């Protein structure tokens, strides 16, 4: 990036994609299995409609009538969501059964996925600006520091399977959330010039929690749905992740800008740093509160189940 500019990031990914495409041809073919299930085309279209409308509304379109467009997208998305729930509850082979979410523990875990991905995306969204701006790191060193977050995700993912087999998927998912909260709190404490090793450790810890959560959550969803709905399970994990990431991309950007502007209006010379610190502090506190509520929901669900 320092030598060729930001465009090289995208050119560097091209050989990786081509390599993946070449390796895809080596995947063994699966035997065809006949099925009498009907594909739920109406449910698929309604899913795309409400999810797309809500995500576009969260992006706050920049146009002459932005407020009216956002309102229309929200109303249209909610109408399509209601129609989706009604249709799925009546269809013989729905894309996903709404009755699954009557289990408060399962609902809580999916809400946790949205919250964890929303909070976790703050790292990829805001930290690069801090590394290049306030900390003044060179792009190569900043990239290594940021890469520690991904390394933490890999380590957490590798450990999650063994830990979940011993302690259960849900406890490991909540443990990952708690570790992520600690990592985000440490990022909120960064000064203008924290040491690279300190920053790398904080980001690695947050990534470790995220990796633990993602694998444990995915395994829990796969275990809940029948084997014939494995595709649905994979899609559900992706939908909750997407909702979290899009919510972060729109909401956290606005929050960080508002906090930095408020600090500048108060006469603080380090307004950008203050906005960064306050954003991560609020994200960590919000995720901590969400974890408490979600664990409470799950506990109530288990308590109400008959022995």
C-alpha atoms as a PDB file:
ATOM      1  CA  UNK A   1       0.000   0.000   0.000  1.00  0.00           C
ATOM      2  CA  UNK A   2       2.843   2.388   0.857  1.00  0.00           C
ATOM      3  CA  UNK A   3       4.504   1.737  -2.509  1.00  0.00           C
ATOM      4  CA  UNK A   4       1.555   1.367  -4.905  1.00  0.00           C
ATOM      5  CA  UNK A   5      -1.498   2.868  -3.168  1.00  0.00           C
ATOM      6  CA  UNK A   6      -4.743   1.416  -1.868  1.00  0.00           C
ATOM      7  CA  UNK A   7      -5.716  -0.227  -5.183  1.00  0.00           C
ATOM      8  CA  UNK A   8      -3.025  -2.873  -4.742  1.00  0.00           C
ATOM      9  CA  UNK A   9      -5.120  -4.385  -1.919  1.00  0.00           C
ATOM     10  CA  UNK A  10      -7.734  -5.447  -4.462  1.00  0.00           C
ATOM     11  CA  UNK A  11      -5.257  -6.542  -7.149  1.00  0.00           C
ATOM     12  CA  UNK A  12      -3.481  -8.738  -4.589  1.00  0.00           C
ATOM     13  CA  UNK A  13      -6.712 -10.630  -3.940  1.00  0.00           C
ATOM     14  CA  UNK A  14      -7.173 -11.583  -7.589  1.00  0.00           C
ATOM     15  CA  UNK A  15      -4.642 -14.485  -7.605  1.00  0.00           C
ATOM     16  CA  UNK A  16      -6.135 -15.757  -4.347  1.00  0.00           C
ATOM     17  CA  UNK A  17      -9.603 -15.886  -5.904  1.00  0.00           C
ATOM     18  CA  UNK A  18      -8.278 -17.564  -9.050  1.00  0.00           C
ATOM     19  CA  UNK A  19      -6.404 -20.097  -6.917  1.00  0.00           C
ATOM     20  CA  UNK A  20      -9.587 -20.862  -4.986  1.00  0.00           C
ATOM     21  CA  UNK A  21     -11.468 -21.304  -8.254  1.00  0.00           C
ATOM     22  CA  UNK A  22      -8.841 -23.755  -9.501  1.00  0.00           C
ATOM     23  CA  UNK A  23      -8.884 -25.751  -6.268  1.00  0.00           C
ATOM     24  CA  UNK A  24     -12.689 -25.899  -6.311  1.00  0.00           C
ATOM     25  CA  UNK A  25     -12.509 -28.336  -9.223  1.00  0.00           C
ATOM     26  CA  UNK A  26     -10.727 -30.821  -6.936  1.00  0.00           C
ATOM     27  CA  UNK A  27     -13.690 -31.073  -4.542  1.00  0.00           C
ATOM     28  CA  UNK A  28     -15.221 -34.577  -4.885  1.00  0.00           C
ATOM     29  CA  UNK A  29     -18.699 -34.681  -6.358  1.00  0.00           C
ATOM     30  CA  UNK A  30     -21.470 -35.500  -3.888  1.00  0.00           C
ATOM     31  CA  UNK A  31     -23.939 -38.270  -4.783  1.00  0.00           C
ATOM     32  CA  UNK A  32     -27.298 -36.961  -5.909  1.00  0.00           C
ATOM     33  CA  UNK A  33     -30.089 -37.533  -3.414  1.00  0.00           C
ATOM     34  CA  UNK A  34     -33.665 -37.460  -4.629  1.00  0.00           C
ATOM     35  CA  UNK A  35     -36.072 -35.423  -2.542  1.00  0.00           C
ATOM     36  CA  UNK A  36     -39.756 -34.690  -2.613  1.00  0.00           C
ATOM     37  CA  UNK A  37     -39.381 -31.313  -0.935  1.00  0.00           C
ATOM     38  CA  UNK A  38     -40.621 -28.259  -2.784  1.00  0.00           C
ATOM     39  CA  UNK A  39     -38.404 -25.232  -2.880  1.00  0.00           C
ATOM     40  CA  UNK A  40     -39.981 -22.293  -1.100  1.00  0.00           C
ATOM     41  CA  UNK A  41     -39.656 -19.651  -3.834  1.00  0.00           C
ATOM     42  CA  UNK A  42     -42.090 -17.241  -2.179  1.00  0.00           C
ATOM     43  CA  UNK A  43     -40.256 -17.465   1.126  1.00  0.00           C
ATOM     44  CA  UNK A  44     -36.911 -16.897  -0.631  1.00  0.00           C
ATOM     45  CA  UNK A  45     -38.173 -13.776  -2.405  1.00  0.00           C
ATOM     46  CA  UNK A  46     -39.691 -12.374   0.787  1.00  0.00           C
ATOM     47  CA  UNK A  47     -36.444 -13.066   2.656  1.00  0.00           C
ATOM     48  CA  UNK A  48     -34.430 -11.173   0.046  1.00  0.00           C
ATOM     49  CA  UNK A  49     -36.987  -8.347   0.057  1.00  0.00           C
ATOM     50  CA  UNK A  50     -37.098  -7.641   3.803  1.00  0.00           C
ATOM     51  CA  UNK A  51     -33.411  -8.246   4.424  1.00  0.00           C
ATOM     52  CA  UNK A  52     -32.351  -6.107   1.459  1.00  0.00           C
ATOM     53  CA  UNK A  53     -34.731  -3.289   2.381  1.00  0.00           C
ATOM     54  CA  UNK A  54     -33.579  -3.141   6.001  1.00  0.00           C
ATOM     55  CA  UNK A  55     -29.900  -3.272   5.062  1.00  0.00           C
ATOM     56  CA  UNK A  56     -30.335  -0.469   2.527  1.00  0.00           C
ATOM     57  CA  UNK A  57     -32.191   1.579   5.128  1.00  0.00           C
ATOM     58  CA  UNK A  58     -29.333   1.039   7.594  1.00  0.00           C
ATOM     59  CA  UNK A  59     -26.892   2.317   4.974  1.00  0.00           C
ATOM     60  CA  UNK A  60     -28.768   5.673   4.939  1.00  0.00           C
ATOM     61  CA  UNK A  61     -28.798   6.388   1.191  1.00  0.00           C
ATOM     62  CA  UNK A  62     -27.296   9.720   0.157  1.00  0.00           C
ATOM     63  CA  UNK A  63     -29.868  11.328  -2.102  1.00  0.00           C
ATOM     64  CA  UNK A  64     -32.148  14.340  -2.284  1.00  0.00           C
ATOM     65  CA  UNK A  65     -34.964  12.638  -0.382  1.00  0.00           C
ATOM     66  CA  UNK A  66     -32.801  10.440   1.865  1.00  0.00           C
ATOM     67  CA  UNK A  67     -35.126  10.600   4.887  1.00  0.00           C
ATOM     68  CA  UNK A  68     -38.185   9.658   2.825  1.00  0.00           C
ATOM     69  CA  UNK A  69     -36.283   6.852   1.091  1.00  0.00           C
ATOM     70  CA  UNK A  70     -35.034   5.471   4.411  1.00  0.00           C
ATOM     71  CA  UNK A  71     -38.550   5.584   5.869  1.00  0.00           C
ATOM     72  CA  UNK A  72     -40.008   3.846   2.824  1.00  0.00           C
ATOM     73  CA  UNK A  73     -37.340   1.128   3.004  1.00  0.00           C
ATOM     74  CA  UNK A  74     -38.014   0.559   6.702  1.00  0.00           C
ATOM     75  CA  UNK A  75     -41.784   0.333   6.222  1.00  0.00           C
ATOM     76  CA  UNK A  76     -41.441  -1.911   3.183  1.00  0.00           C
ATOM     77  CA  UNK A  77     -38.913  -4.126   4.943  1.00  0.00           C
ATOM     78  CA  UNK A  78     -41.111  -4.566   8.005  1.00  0.00           C
ATOM     79  CA  UNK A  79     -44.142  -5.412   5.843  1.00  0.00           C
ATOM     80  CA  UNK A  80     -42.132  -8.011   3.921  1.00  0.00           C
ATOM     81  CA  UNK A  81     -40.787  -9.393   7.210  1.00  0.00           C
ATOM     82  CA  UNK A  82     -44.309  -9.826   8.579  1.00  0.00           C
ATOM     83  CA  UNK A  83     -45.415 -11.491   5.334  1.00  0.00           C
ATOM     84  CA  UNK A  84     -42.333 -13.741   5.498  1.00  0.00           C
ATOM     85  CA  UNK A  85     -43.218 -14.924   9.021  1.00  0.00           C
ATOM     86  CA  UNK A  86     -46.839 -15.638   8.061  1.00  0.00           C
ATOM     87  CA  UNK A  87     -45.854 -17.502   4.897  1.00  0.00           C
ATOM     88  CA  UNK A  88     -43.101 -19.555   6.564  1.00  0.00           C
ATOM     89  CA  UNK A  89     -45.412 -20.632   9.397  1.00  0.00           C
ATOM     90  CA  UNK A  90     -47.898 -22.025   6.830  1.00  0.00           C
ATOM     91  CA  UNK A  91     -45.553 -23.571   4.250  1.00  0.00           C
ATOM     92  CA  UNK A  92     -44.938 -27.317   4.372  1.00  0.00           C
ATOM     93  CA  UNK A  93     -41.190 -26.976   3.621  1.00  0.00           C
ATOM     94  CA  UNK A  94     -40.218 -23.442   4.638  1.00  0.00           C
ATOM     95  CA  UNK A  95     -36.771 -21.929   4.283  1.00  0.00           C
ATOM     96  CA  UNK A  96     -36.707 -21.653   8.055  1.00  0.00           C
ATOM     97  CA  UNK A  97     -39.370 -22.493  10.594  1.00  0.00           C
ATOM     98  CA  UNK A  98     -40.324 -19.500  12.793  1.00  0.00           C
ATOM     99  CA  UNK A  99     -41.252 -21.984  15.527  1.00  0.00           C
ATOM    100  CA  UNK A 100     -37.523 -22.606  16.068  1.00  0.00           C
ATOM    101  CA  UNK A 101     -37.234 -19.173  17.664  1.00  0.00           C
ATOM    102  CA  UNK A 102     -39.865 -20.016  20.272  1.00  0.00           C
ATOM    103  CA  UNK A 103     -36.940 -21.629  22.071  1.00  0.00           C
ATOM    104  CA  UNK A 104     -35.585 -18.620  23.963  1.00  0.00           C
ATOM    105  CA  UNK A 105     -32.137 -20.159  24.268  1.00  0.00           C
ATOM    106  CA  UNK A 106     -31.878 -20.592  20.490  1.00  0.00           C
ATOM    107  CA  UNK A 107     -33.260 -17.092  19.901  1.00  0.00           C
ATOM    108  CA  UNK A 108     -30.786 -15.668  22.433  1.00  0.00           C
ATOM    109  CA  UNK A 109     -27.837 -17.284  20.676  1.00  0.00           C
ATOM    110  CA  UNK A 110     -28.861 -15.841  17.312  1.00  0.00           C
ATOM    111  CA  UNK A 111     -29.281 -12.389  18.857  1.00  0.00           C
ATOM    112  CA  UNK A 112     -25.833 -12.842  20.380  1.00  0.00           C
ATOM    113  CA  UNK A 113     -24.417 -13.545  16.921  1.00  0.00           C
ATOM    114  CA  UNK A 114     -25.767 -10.237  15.615  1.00  0.00           C
ATOM    115  CA  UNK A 115     -24.402  -8.367  18.641  1.00  0.00           C
ATOM    116  CA  UNK A 116     -20.960 -10.026  18.611  1.00  0.00           C
ATOM    117  CA  UNK A 117     -20.460  -9.428  14.891  1.00  0.00           C
ATOM    118  CA  UNK A 118     -21.661  -5.830  15.216  1.00  0.00           C
ATOM    119  CA  UNK A 119     -19.203  -5.159  18.037  1.00  0.00           C
ATOM    120  CA  UNK A 120     -16.393  -7.141  16.445  1.00  0.00           C
ATOM    121  CA  UNK A 121     -16.611  -5.301  13.133  1.00  0.00           C
ATOM    122  CA  UNK A 122     -15.685  -2.096  14.991  1.00  0.00           C
ATOM    123  CA  UNK A 123     -12.098  -3.355  14.856  1.00  0.00           C
ATOM    124  CA  UNK A 124     -11.974  -3.631  11.065  1.00  0.00           C
ATOM    125  CA  UNK A 125     -14.003  -0.455  10.664  1.00  0.00           C
ATOM    126  CA  UNK A 126     -12.222   1.984  12.997  1.00  0.00           C
ATOM    127  CA  UNK A 127      -8.852   0.559  14.052  1.00  0.00           C
ATOM    128  CA  UNK A 128      -7.166   0.976  10.619  1.00  0.00           C
ATOM    129  CA  UNK A 129      -7.820   4.734  10.788  1.00  0.00           C
ATOM    130  CA  UNK A 130      -6.301   4.861  14.267  1.00  0.00           C
ATOM    131  CA  UNK A 131      -3.238   2.899  13.164  1.00  0.00           C
ATOM    132  CA  UNK A 132      -2.659   5.163  10.175  1.00  0.00           C
ATOM    133  CA  UNK A 133      -3.657   8.379  11.948  1.00  0.00           C
ATOM    134  CA  UNK A 134      -3.270   8.827  15.695  1.00  0.00           C
ATOM    135  CA  UNK A 135      -0.665   6.099  16.231  1.00  0.00           C
ATOM    136  CA  UNK A 136       1.330   7.105  13.148  1.00  0.00           C
ATOM    137  CA  UNK A 137       2.442   3.552  12.325  1.00  0.00           C
ATOM    138  CA  UNK A 138       3.861   2.774   8.906  1.00  0.00           C
ATOM    139  CA  UNK A 139       1.469   0.729   6.719  1.00  0.00           C
ATOM    140  CA  UNK A 140       3.572  -2.441   6.985  1.00  0.00           C
ATOM    141  CA  UNK A 141       3.724  -2.369  10.792  1.00  0.00           C
ATOM    142  CA  UNK A 142       0.093  -1.289  11.044  1.00  0.00           C
ATOM    143  CA  UNK A 143      -0.886  -4.217   8.843  1.00  0.00           C
ATOM    144  CA  UNK A 144       0.989  -6.646  11.075  1.00  0.00           C
ATOM    145  CA  UNK A 145      -0.719  -5.229  14.168  1.00  0.00           C
ATOM    146  CA  UNK A 146      -4.159  -5.467  12.545  1.00  0.00           C
ATOM    147  CA  UNK A 147      -3.368  -8.979  11.317  1.00  0.00           C
ATOM    148  CA  UNK A 148      -3.086 -10.126  14.934  1.00  0.00           C
ATOM    149  CA  UNK A 149      -6.862  -9.784  15.151  1.00  0.00           C
ATOM    150  CA  UNK A 150      -7.311 -12.321  12.342  1.00  0.00           C
ATOM    151  CA  UNK A 151      -4.687 -14.552  13.958  1.00  0.00           C
ATOM    152  CA  UNK A 152      -6.720 -14.495  17.160  1.00  0.00           C
ATOM    153  CA  UNK A 153      -9.820 -15.520  15.207  1.00  0.00           C
ATOM    154  CA  UNK A 154      -7.946 -18.495  13.726  1.00  0.00           C
ATOM    155  CA  UNK A 155      -6.624 -19.623  17.120  1.00  0.00           C
ATOM    156  CA  UNK A 156     -10.062 -19.262  18.699  1.00  0.00           C
ATOM    157  CA  UNK A 157     -11.673 -21.204  15.867  1.00  0.00           C
ATOM    158  CA  UNK A 158      -9.205 -24.066  16.240  1.00  0.00           C
ATOM    159  CA  UNK A 159      -9.733 -24.239  19.988  1.00  0.00           C
ATOM    160  CA  UNK A 160     -13.526 -23.868  19.897  1.00  0.00           C
ATOM    161  CA  UNK A 161     -14.252 -27.362  18.594  1.00  0.00           C
ATOM    162  CA  UNK A 162     -12.360 -29.170  21.340  1.00  0.00           C
ATOM    163  CA  UNK A 163     -13.657 -26.869  24.061  1.00  0.00           C
ATOM    164  CA  UNK A 164     -17.253 -27.179  22.855  1.00  0.00           C
ATOM    165  CA  UNK A 165     -16.985 -30.974  22.814  1.00  0.00           C
ATOM    166  CA  UNK A 166     -15.978 -30.882  26.477  1.00  0.00           C
ATOM    167  CA  UNK A 167     -18.023 -28.017  27.916  1.00  0.00           C
ATOM    168  CA  UNK A 168     -20.874 -27.580  25.420  1.00  0.00           C
ATOM    169  CA  UNK A 169     -21.412 -25.203  22.524  1.00  0.00           C
ATOM    170  CA  UNK A 170     -23.480 -22.542  24.281  1.00  0.00           C
ATOM    171  CA  UNK A 171     -21.070 -21.993  27.232  1.00  0.00           C
ATOM    172  CA  UNK A 172     -18.137 -21.613  24.807  1.00  0.00           C
ATOM    173  CA  UNK A 173     -20.135 -19.141  22.719  1.00  0.00           C
ATOM    174  CA  UNK A 174     -20.789 -17.045  25.825  1.00  0.00           C
ATOM    175  CA  UNK A 175     -17.140 -17.384  26.900  1.00  0.00           C
ATOM    176  CA  UNK A 176     -16.062 -16.092  23.478  1.00  0.00           C
ATOM    177  CA  UNK A 177     -18.420 -13.142  23.863  1.00  0.00           C
ATOM    178  CA  UNK A 178     -16.958 -12.305  27.272  1.00  0.00           C
ATOM    179  CA  UNK A 179     -13.382 -12.458  25.945  1.00  0.00           C
ATOM    180  CA  UNK A 180     -14.388 -10.214  23.050  1.00  0.00           C
ATOM    181  CA  UNK A 181     -15.809  -7.688  25.527  1.00  0.00           C
ATOM    182  CA  UNK A 182     -12.492  -7.618  27.399  1.00  0.00           C
ATOM    183  CA  UNK A 183     -10.589  -7.097  24.144  1.00  0.00           C
ATOM    184  CA  UNK A 184     -12.861  -4.244  23.063  1.00  0.00           C
ATOM    185  CA  UNK A 185     -12.504  -2.623  26.493  1.00  0.00           C
ATOM    186  CA  UNK A 186      -8.725  -2.742  26.188  1.00  0.00           C
ATOM    187  CA  UNK A 187      -8.889  -1.128  22.738  1.00  0.00           C
ATOM    188  CA  UNK A 188     -10.987   1.661  24.287  1.00  0.00           C
ATOM    189  CA  UNK A 189      -8.092   2.398  26.657  1.00  0.00           C
ATOM    190  CA  UNK A 190      -5.567   3.070  23.876  1.00  0.00           C
ATOM    191  CA  UNK A 191      -3.729   6.364  24.079  1.00  0.00           C
ATOM    192  CA  UNK A 192      -2.507   8.414  21.127  1.00  0.00           C
ATOM    193  CA  UNK A 193       0.699   6.371  20.790  1.00  0.00           C
ATOM    194  CA  UNK A 194       0.278   2.891  22.319  1.00  0.00           C
ATOM    195  CA  UNK A 195       3.036   0.389  21.674  1.00  0.00           C
ATOM    196  CA  UNK A 196       2.578  -1.969  18.688  1.00  0.00           C
ATOM    197  CA  UNK A 197       2.931  -5.034  20.924  1.00  0.00           C
ATOM    198  CA  UNK A 198       0.237  -3.733  23.279  1.00  0.00           C
ATOM    199  CA  UNK A 199      -2.145  -3.039  20.393  1.00  0.00           C
ATOM    200  CA  UNK A 200      -1.433  -6.436  18.837  1.00  0.00           C
ATOM    201  CA  UNK A 201      -2.206  -8.195  22.138  1.00  0.00           C
ATOM    202  CA  UNK A 202      -5.517  -6.334  22.545  1.00  0.00           C
ATOM    203  CA  UNK A 203      -6.597  -7.092  18.984  1.00  0.00           C
ATOM    204  CA  UNK A 204      -5.496 -10.715  19.283  1.00  0.00           C
ATOM    205  CA  UNK A 205      -7.564 -11.153  22.442  1.00  0.00           C
ATOM    206  CA  UNK A 206     -10.662  -9.706  20.784  1.00  0.00           C
ATOM    207  CA  UNK A 207     -10.113 -11.976  17.770  1.00  0.00           C
ATOM    208  CA  UNK A 208      -9.721 -14.995  20.038  1.00  0.00           C
ATOM    209  CA  UNK A 209     -13.143 -14.344  21.562  1.00  0.00           C
ATOM    210  CA  UNK A 210     -14.694 -13.836  18.146  1.00  0.00           C
ATOM    211  CA  UNK A 211     -13.246 -17.106  16.844  1.00  0.00           C
ATOM    212  CA  UNK A 212     -14.515 -19.039  19.865  1.00  0.00           C
ATOM    213  CA  UNK A 213     -17.992 -17.595  19.469  1.00  0.00           C
ATOM    214  CA  UNK A 214     -18.364 -18.091  15.722  1.00  0.00           C
ATOM    215  CA  UNK A 215     -17.490 -21.786  15.712  1.00  0.00           C
ATOM    216  CA  UNK A 216     -19.504 -22.618  18.843  1.00  0.00           C
ATOM    217  CA  UNK A 217     -22.508 -20.682  17.515  1.00  0.00           C
ATOM    218  CA  UNK A 218     -22.355 -22.372  14.093  1.00  0.00           C
ATOM    219  CA  UNK A 219     -22.129 -25.809  15.683  1.00  0.00           C
ATOM    220  CA  UNK A 220     -25.102 -25.010  17.935  1.00  0.00           C
ATOM    221  CA  UNK A 221     -27.238 -23.977  14.959  1.00  0.00           C
ATOM    222  CA  UNK A 222     -26.239 -27.114  13.045  1.00  0.00           C
ATOM    223  CA  UNK A 223     -27.107 -29.274  16.053  1.00  0.00           C
ATOM    224  CA  UNK A 224     -30.525 -27.631  16.469  1.00  0.00           C
ATOM    225  CA  UNK A 225     -31.760 -27.983  12.890  1.00  0.00           C
ATOM    226  CA  UNK A 226     -32.334 -31.410  11.297  1.00  0.00           C
ATOM    227  CA  UNK A 227     -29.715 -32.749   8.894  1.00  0.00           C
ATOM    228  CA  UNK A 228     -31.990 -32.065   5.919  1.00  0.00           C
ATOM    229  CA  UNK A 229     -31.821 -28.346   6.807  1.00  0.00           C
ATOM    230  CA  UNK A 230     -28.033 -28.042   6.920  1.00  0.00           C
ATOM    231  CA  UNK A 231     -28.150 -25.479   4.104  1.00  0.00           C
ATOM    232  CA  UNK A 232     -30.656 -23.443   6.096  1.00  0.00           C
ATOM    233  CA  UNK A 233     -28.383 -23.611   9.148  1.00  0.00           C
ATOM    234  CA  UNK A 234     -25.453 -22.268   7.181  1.00  0.00           C
ATOM    235  CA  UNK A 235     -27.587 -19.499   5.745  1.00  0.00           C
ATOM    236  CA  UNK A 236     -28.872 -18.510   9.185  1.00  0.00           C
ATOM    237  CA  UNK A 237     -25.348 -18.049  10.515  1.00  0.00           C
ATOM    238  CA  UNK A 238     -24.510 -15.870   7.510  1.00  0.00           C
ATOM    239  CA  UNK A 239     -27.677 -13.764   7.874  1.00  0.00           C
ATOM    240  CA  UNK A 240     -26.990 -12.969  11.536  1.00  0.00           C
ATOM    241  CA  UNK A 241     -23.383 -12.099  10.699  1.00  0.00           C
ATOM    242  CA  UNK A 242     -24.492  -9.844   7.850  1.00  0.00           C
ATOM    243  CA  UNK A 243     -26.993  -8.024  10.050  1.00  0.00           C
ATOM    244  CA  UNK A 244     -24.261  -7.373  12.603  1.00  0.00           C
ATOM    245  CA  UNK A 245     -21.690  -6.184  10.065  1.00  0.00           C
ATOM    246  CA  UNK A 246     -24.093  -3.877   8.234  1.00  0.00           C
ATOM    247  CA  UNK A 247     -25.366  -2.481  11.532  1.00  0.00           C
ATOM    248  CA  UNK A 248     -21.773  -1.733  12.523  1.00  0.00           C
ATOM    249  CA  UNK A 249     -20.848  -0.199   9.181  1.00  0.00           C
ATOM    250  CA  UNK A 250     -23.709   2.280   9.384  1.00  0.00           C
ATOM    251  CA  UNK A 251     -24.340   2.778  13.094  1.00  0.00           C
ATOM    252  CA  UNK A 252     -20.782   2.774  14.442  1.00  0.00           C
ATOM    253  CA  UNK A 253     -19.549   5.121  11.733  1.00  0.00           C
ATOM    254  CA  UNK A 254     -22.256   7.620  12.680  1.00  0.00           C
ATOM    255  CA  UNK A 255     -21.593   7.115  16.411  1.00  0.00           C
ATOM    256  CA  UNK A 256     -17.849   7.659  16.056  1.00  0.00           C
ATOM    257  CA  UNK A 257     -18.390  10.795  13.972  1.00  0.00           C
ATOM    258  CA  UNK A 258     -20.914  12.200  16.459  1.00  0.00           C
ATOM    259  CA  UNK A 259     -18.629  11.562  19.447  1.00  0.00           C
ATOM    260  CA  UNK A 260     -15.600  13.077  17.714  1.00  0.00           C
ATOM    261  CA  UNK A 261     -17.642  16.123  16.671  1.00  0.00           C
ATOM    262  CA  UNK A 262     -18.912  16.555  20.218  1.00  0.00           C
ATOM    263  CA  UNK A 263     -15.366  16.370  21.593  1.00  0.00           C
ATOM    264  CA  UNK A 264     -14.186  18.955  19.052  1.00  0.00           C
ATOM    265  CA  UNK A 265     -17.062  21.261  20.000  1.00  0.00           C
ATOM    266  CA  UNK A 266     -15.951  20.951  23.642  1.00  0.00           C
ATOM    267  CA  UNK A 267     -12.546  22.289  22.626  1.00  0.00           C
ATOM    268  CA  UNK A 268     -10.560  19.054  22.915  1.00  0.00           C
ATOM    269  CA  UNK A 269      -7.519  18.953  20.646  1.00  0.00           C
ATOM    270  CA  UNK A 270      -7.544  15.143  20.467  1.00  0.00           C
ATOM    271  CA  UNK A 271     -11.205  14.915  19.422  1.00  0.00           C
ATOM    272  CA  UNK A 272     -10.601  12.057  16.969  1.00  0.00           C
ATOM    273  CA  UNK A 273      -8.914   9.952  19.655  1.00  0.00           C
ATOM    274  CA  UNK A 274     -11.665  10.759  22.169  1.00  0.00           C
ATOM    275  CA  UNK A 275     -14.318   9.704  19.661  1.00  0.00           C
ATOM    276  CA  UNK A 276     -12.400   6.455  19.029  1.00  0.00           C
ATOM    277  CA  UNK A 277     -12.067   5.680  22.749  1.00  0.00           C
ATOM    278  CA  UNK A 278     -15.681   6.494  23.562  1.00  0.00           C
ATOM    279  CA  UNK A 279     -16.994   4.466  20.619  1.00  0.00           C
ATOM    280  CA  UNK A 280     -15.153   1.324  21.728  1.00  0.00           C
ATOM    281  CA  UNK A 281     -16.148   1.885  25.350  1.00  0.00           C
ATOM    282  CA  UNK A 282     -19.811   2.134  24.361  1.00  0.00           C
ATOM    283  CA  UNK A 283     -19.525  -0.926  22.102  1.00  0.00           C
ATOM    284  CA  UNK A 284     -17.946  -2.968  24.920  1.00  0.00           C
ATOM    285  CA  UNK A 285     -20.569  -1.813  27.432  1.00  0.00           C
ATOM    286  CA  UNK A 286     -23.397  -2.466  24.978  1.00  0.00           C
ATOM    287  CA  UNK A 287     -22.140  -5.970  24.220  1.00  0.00           C
ATOM    288  CA  UNK A 288     -21.710  -6.643  27.940  1.00  0.00           C
ATOM    289  CA  UNK A 289     -25.279  -5.561  28.638  1.00  0.00           C
ATOM    290  CA  UNK A 290     -26.487  -7.639  25.709  1.00  0.00           C
ATOM    291  CA  UNK A 291     -24.626 -10.688  27.024  1.00  0.00           C
ATOM    292  CA  UNK A 292     -26.306 -10.298  30.426  1.00  0.00           C
ATOM    293  CA  UNK A 293     -29.754 -10.069  28.813  1.00  0.00           C
ATOM    294  CA  UNK A 294     -29.110 -12.999  26.485  1.00  0.00           C
ATOM    295  CA  UNK A 295     -27.804 -15.251  29.275  1.00  0.00           C
ATOM    296  CA  UNK A 296     -30.856 -14.300  31.335  1.00  0.00           C
ATOM    297  CA  UNK A 297     -33.172 -15.242  28.449  1.00  0.00           C
ATOM    298  CA  UNK A 298     -31.444 -18.598  28.077  1.00  0.00           C
ATOM    299  CA  UNK A 299     -31.595 -19.265  31.813  1.00  0.00           C
ATOM    300  CA  UNK A 300     -35.319 -18.487  31.923  1.00  0.00           C
ATOM    301  CA  UNK A 301     -35.882 -20.809  28.981  1.00  0.00           C
ATOM    302  CA  UNK A 302     -34.121 -23.717  30.717  1.00  0.00           C
ATOM    303  CA  UNK A 303     -35.915 -23.005  33.991  1.00  0.00           C
ATOM    304  CA  UNK A 304     -39.349 -23.119  32.342  1.00  0.00           C
ATOM    305  CA  UNK A 305     -38.709 -26.357  30.482  1.00  0.00           C
ATOM    306  CA  UNK A 306     -40.348 -29.360  32.102  1.00  0.00           C
ATOM    307  CA  UNK A 307     -37.974 -31.849  33.638  1.00  0.00           C
END
